[in-house]
Amino acid sequence: MKEARTARLRDILARSPEVTIDDQTTAAHLVVSTIEMVVHHLLAGPEPIEPERLETQLIEMLSRYRTASHDAPGSSPGPPLS
């Protein structure tokens, strides 16, 4: 099931002209995994977030990720973490 969602998202990313992500396969895996983990953690946690607020913020976060300019300040990966 997760593989099907990832494949579907990869196809959507590949067809979307506004997407600026070079590695769409990895991006699809990251987005699907992020959504699963964040939703589970924030809705089932001790202080759950309202589903509508969580949805709004996830959409905003992921929309910015998929359309970010490679030339934008702060868009470079920076030094490796040790």
PDB file of N, CA and C in Angstrom:
ATOM      1  N   MET A   1       0.827  -1.192   0.000  1.00  0.00           N
ATOM      2  CA  MET A   1       0.000   0.000   0.000  1.00  0.00           C
ATOM      3  C   MET A   1       0.868   1.252   0.000  1.00  0.00           C
ATOM      4  N   LYS A   2       1.891   1.260   0.854  1.00  0.00           N
ATOM      5  CA  LYS A   2       2.783   2.412   0.894  1.00  0.00           C
ATOM      6  C   LYS A   2       3.505   2.566  -0.444  1.00  0.00           C
ATOM      7  N   GLU A   3       3.887   1.445  -1.043  1.00  0.00           N
ATOM      8  CA  GLU A   3       4.567   1.491  -2.330  1.00  0.00           C
ATOM      9  C   GLU A   3       3.667   2.092  -3.405  1.00  0.00           C
ATOM     10  N   ALA A   4       2.387   1.769  -3.355  1.00  0.00           N
ATOM     11  CA  ALA A   4       1.435   2.306  -4.332  1.00  0.00           C
ATOM     12  C   ALA A   4       1.267   3.812  -4.152  1.00  0.00           C
ATOM     13  N   ARG A   5       1.191   4.269  -2.896  1.00  0.00           N
ATOM     14  CA  ARG A   5       1.075   5.716  -2.641  1.00  0.00           C
ATOM     15  C   ARG A   5       2.327   6.441  -3.110  1.00  0.00           C
ATOM     16  N   THR A   6       3.482   5.834  -2.857  1.00  0.00           N
ATOM     17  CA  THR A   6       4.749   6.446  -3.266  1.00  0.00           C
ATOM     18  C   THR A   6       4.842   6.520  -4.787  1.00  0.00           C
ATOM     19  N   ALA A   7       4.471   5.459  -5.466  1.00  0.00           N
ATOM     20  CA  ALA A   7       4.511   5.451  -6.929  1.00  0.00           C
ATOM     21  C   ALA A   7       3.546   6.481  -7.510  1.00  0.00           C
ATOM     22  N   ARG A   8       2.366   6.573  -6.937  1.00  0.00           N
ATOM     23  CA  ARG A   8       1.371   7.559  -7.404  1.00  0.00           C
ATOM     24  C   ARG A   8       1.900   8.974  -7.218  1.00  0.00           C
ATOM     25  N   LEU A   9       2.486   9.255  -6.056  1.00  0.00           N
ATOM     26  CA  LEU A   9       3.025  10.587  -5.804  1.00  0.00           C
ATOM     27  C   LEU A   9       4.187  10.889  -6.743  1.00  0.00           C
ATOM     28  N   ARG A  10       5.057   9.921  -6.982  1.00  0.00           N
ATOM     29  CA  ARG A  10       6.176  10.112  -7.913  1.00  0.00           C
ATOM     30  C   ARG A  10       5.645  10.497  -9.294  1.00  0.00           C
ATOM     31  N   ASP A  11       4.571   9.832  -9.733  1.00  0.00           N
ATOM     32  CA  ASP A  11       3.971  10.157 -11.024  1.00  0.00           C
ATOM     33  C   ASP A  11       3.397  11.577 -11.036  1.00  0.00           C
ATOM     34  N   ILE A  12       2.761  11.962  -9.946  1.00  0.00           N
ATOM     35  CA  ILE A  12       2.205  13.317  -9.847  1.00  0.00           C
ATOM     36  C   ILE A  12       3.331  14.353  -9.899  1.00  0.00           C
ATOM     37  N   LEU A  13       4.404  14.112  -9.142  1.00  0.00           N
ATOM     38  CA  LEU A  13       5.533  15.038  -9.139  1.00  0.00           C
ATOM     39  C   LEU A  13       6.138  15.165 -10.540  1.00  0.00           C
ATOM     40  N   ALA A  14       6.259  14.051 -11.245  1.00  0.00           N
ATOM     41  CA  ALA A  14       6.859  14.057 -12.581  1.00  0.00           C
ATOM     42  C   ALA A  14       6.012  14.844 -13.583  1.00  0.00           C
ATOM     43  N   ARG A  15       4.708  14.863 -13.400  1.00  0.00           N
ATOM     44  CA  ARG A  15       3.814  15.563 -14.334  1.00  0.00           C
ATOM     45  C   ARG A  15       3.551  17.019 -13.950  1.00  0.00           C
ATOM     46  N   SER A  16       3.974  17.435 -12.785  1.00  0.00           N
ATOM     47  CA  SER A  16       3.671  18.787 -12.303  1.00  0.00           C
ATOM     48  C   SER A  16       4.772  19.758 -12.713  1.00  0.00           C
ATOM     49  N   PRO A  17       4.462  20.727 -13.562  1.00  0.00           N
ATOM     50  CA  PRO A  17       5.490  21.652 -14.050  1.00  0.00           C
ATOM     51  C   PRO A  17       6.080  22.555 -12.966  1.00  0.00           C
ATOM     52  N   GLU A  18       5.368  22.775 -11.868  1.00  0.00           N
ATOM     53  CA  GLU A  18       5.874  23.657 -10.812  1.00  0.00           C
ATOM     54  C   GLU A  18       6.860  22.969  -9.874  1.00  0.00           C
ATOM     55  N   VAL A  19       6.985  21.653  -9.986  1.00  0.00           N
ATOM     56  CA  VAL A  19       7.885  20.897  -9.110  1.00  0.00           C
ATOM     57  C   VAL A  19       9.331  21.156  -9.506  1.00  0.00           C
ATOM     58  N   THR A  20      10.154  21.485  -8.522  1.00  0.00           N
ATOM     59  CA  THR A  20      11.559  21.803  -8.762  1.00  0.00           C
ATOM     60  C   THR A  20      12.504  20.733  -8.218  1.00  0.00           C
ATOM     61  N   ILE A  21      11.974  19.624  -7.789  1.00  0.00           N
ATOM     62  CA  ILE A  21      12.764  18.557  -7.181  1.00  0.00           C
ATOM     63  C   ILE A  21      13.399  17.710  -8.275  1.00  0.00           C
ATOM     64  N   ASP A  22      14.710  17.514  -8.183  1.00  0.00           N
ATOM     65  CA  ASP A  22      15.411  16.707  -9.180  1.00  0.00           C
ATOM     66  C   ASP A  22      15.187  15.214  -8.976  1.00  0.00           C
ATOM     67  N   ASP A  23      15.284  14.732  -7.757  1.00  0.00           N
ATOM     68  CA  ASP A  23      15.154  13.311  -7.446  1.00  0.00           C
ATOM     69  C   ASP A  23      13.734  13.044  -6.955  1.00  0.00           C
ATOM     70  N   GLN A  24      12.831  12.874  -7.893  1.00  0.00           N
ATOM     71  CA  GLN A  24      11.418  12.741  -7.548  1.00  0.00           C
ATOM     72  C   GLN A  24      11.086  11.404  -6.890  1.00  0.00           C
ATOM     73  N   THR A  25      11.864  10.376  -7.156  1.00  0.00           N
ATOM     74  CA  THR A  25      11.631   9.089  -6.510  1.00  0.00           C
ATOM     75  C   THR A  25      11.902   9.191  -5.012  1.00  0.00           C
ATOM     76  N   THR A  26      13.062   9.756  -4.665  1.00  0.00           N
ATOM     77  CA  THR A  26      13.384   9.929  -3.243  1.00  0.00           C
ATOM     78  C   THR A  26      12.420  10.906  -2.594  1.00  0.00           C
ATOM     79  N   ALA A  27      12.075  11.965  -3.296  1.00  0.00           N
ATOM     80  CA  ALA A  27      11.132  12.945  -2.759  1.00  0.00           C
ATOM     81  C   ALA A  27       9.787  12.289  -2.444  1.00  0.00           C
ATOM     82  N   ALA A  28       9.315  11.431  -3.325  1.00  0.00           N
ATOM     83  CA  ALA A  28       8.038  10.751  -3.081  1.00  0.00           C
ATOM     84  C   ALA A  28       8.117   9.883  -1.823  1.00  0.00           C
ATOM     85  N   HIS A  29       9.229   9.165  -1.658  1.00  0.00           N
ATOM     86  CA  HIS A  29       9.409   8.353  -0.441  1.00  0.00           C
ATOM     87  C   HIS A  29       9.424   9.244   0.803  1.00  0.00           C
ATOM     88  N   LEU A  30      10.144  10.352   0.730  1.00  0.00           N
ATOM     89  CA  LEU A  30      10.226  11.268   1.877  1.00  0.00           C
ATOM     90  C   LEU A  30       8.864  11.853   2.239  1.00  0.00           C
ATOM     91  N   VAL A  31       8.118  12.277   1.238  1.00  0.00           N
ATOM     92  CA  VAL A  31       6.822  12.906   1.501  1.00  0.00           C
ATOM     93  C   VAL A  31       5.850  11.898   2.106  1.00  0.00           C
ATOM     94  N   VAL A  32       5.756  10.715   1.531  1.00  0.00           N
ATOM     95  CA  VAL A  32       4.831   9.707   2.061  1.00  0.00           C
ATOM     96  C   VAL A  32       5.222   9.320   3.489  1.00  0.00           C
ATOM     97  N   SER A  33       6.501   9.096   3.725  1.00  0.00           N
ATOM     98  CA  SER A  33       6.957   8.726   5.072  1.00  0.00           C
ATOM     99  C   SER A  33       6.736   9.856   6.070  1.00  0.00           C
ATOM    100  N   THR A  34       7.013  11.081   5.647  1.00  0.00           N
ATOM    101  CA  THR A  34       6.815  12.240   6.521  1.00  0.00           C
ATOM    102  C   THR A  34       5.358  12.367   6.926  1.00  0.00           C
ATOM    103  N   ILE A  35       4.476  12.262   5.959  1.00  0.00           N
ATOM    104  CA  ILE A  35       3.049  12.386   6.268  1.00  0.00           C
ATOM    105  C   ILE A  35       2.617  11.296   7.243  1.00  0.00           C
ATOM    106  N   GLU A  36       3.029  10.059   6.984  1.00  0.00           N
ATOM    107  CA  GLU A  36       2.626   8.962   7.872  1.00  0.00           C
ATOM    108  C   GLU A  36       3.122   9.179   9.301  1.00  0.00           C
ATOM    109  N   MET A  37       4.396   9.534   9.426  1.00  0.00           N
ATOM    110  CA  MET A  37       4.968   9.704  10.771  1.00  0.00           C
ATOM    111  C   MET A  37       4.388  10.917  11.491  1.00  0.00           C
ATOM    112  N   VAL A  38       4.290  12.029  10.810  1.00  0.00           N
ATOM    113  CA  VAL A  38       3.807  13.254  11.445  1.00  0.00           C
ATOM    114  C   VAL A  38       2.348  13.113  11.853  1.00  0.00           C
ATOM    115  N   VAL A  39       1.535  12.596  10.967  1.00  0.00           N
ATOM    116  CA  VAL A  39       0.113  12.445  11.287  1.00  0.00           C
ATOM    117  C   VAL A  39      -0.062  11.521  12.488  1.00  0.00           C
ATOM    118  N   HIS A  40       0.612  10.394  12.475  1.00  0.00           N
ATOM    119  CA  HIS A  40       0.489   9.464  13.599  1.00  0.00           C
ATOM    120  C   HIS A  40       0.956  10.114  14.902  1.00  0.00           C
ATOM    121  N   HIS A  41       2.104  10.737  14.859  1.00  0.00           N
ATOM    122  CA  HIS A  41       2.691  11.322  16.064  1.00  0.00           C
ATOM    123  C   HIS A  41       1.832  12.468  16.614  1.00  0.00           C
ATOM    124  N   LEU A  42       1.349  13.329  15.742  1.00  0.00           N
ATOM    125  CA  LEU A  42       0.636  14.523  16.219  1.00  0.00           C
ATOM    126  C   LEU A  42      -0.841  14.285  16.503  1.00  0.00           C
ATOM    127  N   LEU A  43      -1.449  13.302  15.876  1.00  0.00           N
ATOM    128  CA  LEU A  43      -2.860  13.029  16.173  1.00  0.00           C
ATOM    129  C   LEU A  43      -3.029  12.045  17.321  1.00  0.00           C
ATOM    130  N   ALA A  44      -2.049  11.174  17.517  1.00  0.00           N
ATOM    131  CA  ALA A  44      -2.164  10.158  18.568  1.00  0.00           C
ATOM    132  C   ALA A  44      -1.363  10.523  19.816  1.00  0.00           C
ATOM    133  N   GLY A  45      -0.690  11.658  19.799  1.00  0.00           N
ATOM    134  CA  GLY A  45       0.139  12.054  20.928  1.00  0.00           C
ATOM    135  C   GLY A  45      -0.663  12.564  22.100  1.00  0.00           C
ATOM    136  N   PRO A  46       0.033  12.905  23.171  1.00  0.00           N
ATOM    137  CA  PRO A  46      -0.647  13.361  24.391  1.00  0.00           C
ATOM    138  C   PRO A  46      -1.357  14.704  24.222  1.00  0.00           C
ATOM    139  N   GLU A  47      -0.904  15.523  23.289  1.00  0.00           N
ATOM    140  CA  GLU A  47      -1.559  16.807  23.017  1.00  0.00           C
ATOM    141  C   GLU A  47      -1.858  16.884  21.526  1.00  0.00           C
ATOM    142  N   PRO A  48      -2.887  16.154  21.078  1.00  0.00           N
ATOM    143  CA  PRO A  48      -3.164  16.088  19.638  1.00  0.00           C
ATOM    144  C   PRO A  48      -3.532  17.441  19.044  1.00  0.00           C
ATOM    145  N   ILE A  49      -3.142  17.607  17.793  1.00  0.00           N
ATOM    146  CA  ILE A  49      -3.474  18.814  17.033  1.00  0.00           C
ATOM    147  C   ILE A  49      -4.791  18.558  16.305  1.00  0.00           C
ATOM    148  N   GLU A  50      -5.585  19.591  16.158  1.00  0.00           N
ATOM    149  CA  GLU A  50      -6.838  19.459  15.422  1.00  0.00           C
ATOM    150  C   GLU A  50      -6.513  19.016  13.996  1.00  0.00           C
ATOM    151  N   PRO A  51      -7.222  18.020  13.467  1.00  0.00           N
ATOM    152  CA  PRO A  51      -6.921  17.504  12.127  1.00  0.00           C
ATOM    153  C   PRO A  51      -6.908  18.564  11.026  1.00  0.00           C
ATOM    154  N   GLU A  52      -7.821  19.523  11.089  1.00  0.00           N
ATOM    155  CA  GLU A  52      -7.881  20.562  10.060  1.00  0.00           C
ATOM    156  C   GLU A  52      -6.635  21.446  10.090  1.00  0.00           C
ATOM    157  N   ARG A  53      -6.173  21.776  11.277  1.00  0.00           N
ATOM    158  CA  ARG A  53      -4.967  22.604  11.407  1.00  0.00           C
ATOM    159  C   ARG A  53      -3.746  21.832  10.933  1.00  0.00           C
ATOM    160  N   LEU A  54      -3.669  20.557  11.287  1.00  0.00           N
ATOM    161  CA  LEU A  54      -2.559  19.728  10.853  1.00  0.00           C
ATOM    162  C   LEU A  54      -2.543  19.618   9.329  1.00  0.00           C
ATOM    163  N   GLU A  55      -3.693  19.392   8.733  1.00  0.00           N
ATOM    164  CA  GLU A  55      -3.788  19.280   7.274  1.00  0.00           C
ATOM    165  C   GLU A  55      -3.320  20.565   6.597  1.00  0.00           C
ATOM    166  N   THR A  56      -3.770  21.701   7.083  1.00  0.00           N
ATOM    167  CA  THR A  56      -3.388  22.986   6.499  1.00  0.00           C
ATOM    168  C   THR A  56      -1.878  23.184   6.546  1.00  0.00           C
ATOM    169  N   GLN A  57      -1.285  22.909   7.676  1.00  0.00           N
ATOM    170  CA  GLN A  57       0.153  23.124   7.831  1.00  0.00           C
ATOM    171  C   GLN A  57       0.975  22.111   7.031  1.00  0.00           C
ATOM    172  N   LEU A  58       0.524  20.869   6.970  1.00  0.00           N
ATOM    173  CA  LEU A  58       1.234  19.875   6.164  1.00  0.00           C
ATOM    174  C   LEU A  58       1.205  20.241   4.687  1.00  0.00           C
ATOM    175  N   ILE A  59       0.058  20.693   4.219  1.00  0.00           N
ATOM    176  CA  ILE A  59      -0.053  21.110   2.818  1.00  0.00           C
ATOM    177  C   ILE A  59       0.890  22.266   2.534  1.00  0.00           C
ATOM    178  N   GLU A  60       0.920  23.248   3.418  1.00  0.00           N
ATOM    179  CA  GLU A  60       1.810  24.396   3.222  1.00  0.00           C
ATOM    180  C   GLU A  60       3.274  23.955   3.215  1.00  0.00           C
ATOM    181  N   MET A  61       3.667  23.137   4.183  1.00  0.00           N
ATOM    182  CA  MET A  61       5.048  22.681   4.282  1.00  0.00           C
ATOM    183  C   MET A  61       5.464  21.895   3.040  1.00  0.00           C
ATOM    184  N   LEU A  62       4.641  20.952   2.635  1.00  0.00           N
ATOM    185  CA  LEU A  62       5.004  20.098   1.507  1.00  0.00           C
ATOM    186  C   LEU A  62       4.910  20.835   0.174  1.00  0.00           C
ATOM    187  N   SER A  63       4.016  21.795   0.067  1.00  0.00           N
ATOM    188  CA  SER A  63       3.940  22.612  -1.154  1.00  0.00           C
ATOM    189  C   SER A  63       5.204  23.443  -1.330  1.00  0.00           C
ATOM    190  N   ARG A  64       5.679  23.997  -0.246  1.00  0.00           N
ATOM    191  CA  ARG A  64       6.926  24.772  -0.316  1.00  0.00           C
ATOM    192  C   ARG A  64       8.112  23.882  -0.664  1.00  0.00           C
ATOM    193  N   TYR A  65       8.136  22.668  -0.124  1.00  0.00           N
ATOM    194  CA  TYR A  65       9.221  21.732  -0.418  1.00  0.00           C
ATOM    195  C   TYR A  65       9.258  21.405  -1.910  1.00  0.00           C
ATOM    196  N   ARG A  66       8.101  21.094  -2.485  1.00  0.00           N
ATOM    197  CA  ARG A  66       8.090  20.645  -3.878  1.00  0.00           C
ATOM    198  C   ARG A  66       8.280  21.766  -4.884  1.00  0.00           C
ATOM    199  N   THR A  67       8.105  23.018  -4.472  1.00  0.00           N
ATOM    200  CA  THR A  67       8.227  24.127  -5.419  1.00  0.00           C
ATOM    201  C   THR A  67       9.355  25.096  -5.071  1.00  0.00           C
ATOM    202  N   ALA A  68      10.195  24.752  -4.123  1.00  0.00           N
ATOM    203  CA  ALA A  68      11.263  25.656  -3.687  1.00  0.00           C
ATOM    204  C   ALA A  68      12.242  25.939  -4.820  1.00  0.00           C
ATOM    205  N   SER A  69      12.683  27.172  -4.872  1.00  0.00           N
ATOM    206  CA  SER A  69      13.681  27.572  -5.858  1.00  0.00           C
ATOM    207  C   SER A  69      15.045  27.084  -5.414  1.00  0.00           C
ATOM    208  N   HIS A  70      15.794  26.542  -6.346  1.00  0.00           N
ATOM    209  CA  HIS A  70      17.156  26.102  -6.023  1.00  0.00           C
ATOM    210  C   HIS A  70      18.070  27.289  -5.771  1.00  0.00           C
ATOM    211  N   ASP A  71      17.661  28.467  -6.226  1.00  0.00           N
ATOM    212  CA  ASP A  71      18.466  29.673  -6.054  1.00  0.00           C
ATOM    213  C   ASP A  71      18.075  30.478  -4.823  1.00  0.00           C
ATOM    214  N   ALA A  72      17.072  30.030  -4.105  1.00  0.00           N
ATOM    215  CA  ALA A  72      16.595  30.778  -2.940  1.00  0.00           C
ATOM    216  C   ALA A  72      17.626  30.732  -1.820  1.00  0.00           C
ATOM    217  N   PRO A  73      17.709  31.822  -1.041  1.00  0.00           N
ATOM    218  CA  PRO A  73      18.622  31.798   0.104  1.00  0.00           C
ATOM    219  C   PRO A  73      18.268  30.638   1.020  1.00  0.00           C
ATOM    220  N   GLY A  74      19.300  29.943   1.471  1.00  0.00           N
ATOM    221  CA  GLY A  74      19.080  28.822   2.382  1.00  0.00           C
ATOM    222  C   GLY A  74      18.695  27.540   1.685  1.00  0.00           C
ATOM    223  N   SER A  75      18.688  27.520   0.336  1.00  0.00           N
ATOM    224  CA  SER A  75      18.277  26.308  -0.362  1.00  0.00           C
ATOM    225  C   SER A  75      19.409  25.323  -0.555  1.00  0.00           C
ATOM    226  N   SER A  76      20.640  25.756  -0.311  1.00  0.00           N
ATOM    227  CA  SER A  76      21.749  24.817  -0.434  1.00  0.00           C
ATOM    228  C   SER A  76      21.772  23.890   0.773  1.00  0.00           C
ATOM    229  N   PRO A  77      22.307  22.695   0.606  1.00  0.00           N
ATOM    230  CA  PRO A  77      22.279  21.743   1.710  1.00  0.00           C
ATOM    231  C   PRO A  77      23.140  22.138   2.887  1.00  0.00           C
ATOM    232  N   GLY A  78      24.117  23.001   2.687  1.00  0.00           N
ATOM    233  CA  GLY A  78      24.969  23.422   3.796  1.00  0.00           C
ATOM    234  C   GLY A  78      25.984  22.366   4.146  1.00  0.00           C
ATOM    235  N   PRO A  79      26.742  22.601   5.219  1.00  0.00           N
ATOM    236  CA  PRO A  79      27.771  21.639   5.604  1.00  0.00           C
ATOM    237  C   PRO A  79      27.150  20.367   6.133  1.00  0.00           C
ATOM    238  N   PRO A  80      27.859  19.245   5.991  1.00  0.00           N
ATOM    239  CA  PRO A  80      27.310  17.982   6.507  1.00  0.00           C
ATOM    240  C   PRO A  80      27.212  18.004   8.027  1.00  0.00           C
ATOM    241  N   LEU A  81      26.193  17.330   8.523  1.00  0.00           N
ATOM    242  CA  LEU A  81      26.029  17.229   9.971  1.00  0.00           C
ATOM    243  C   LEU A  81      26.973  16.158  10.493  1.00  0.00           C
ATOM    244  N   SER A  82      27.578  16.402  11.636  1.00  0.00           N
ATOM    245  CA  SER A  82      28.486  15.383  12.175  1.00  0.00           C
ATOM    246  C   SER A  82      27.848  14.641  13.308  1.00  0.00           C
TER     247      SER A  82
END
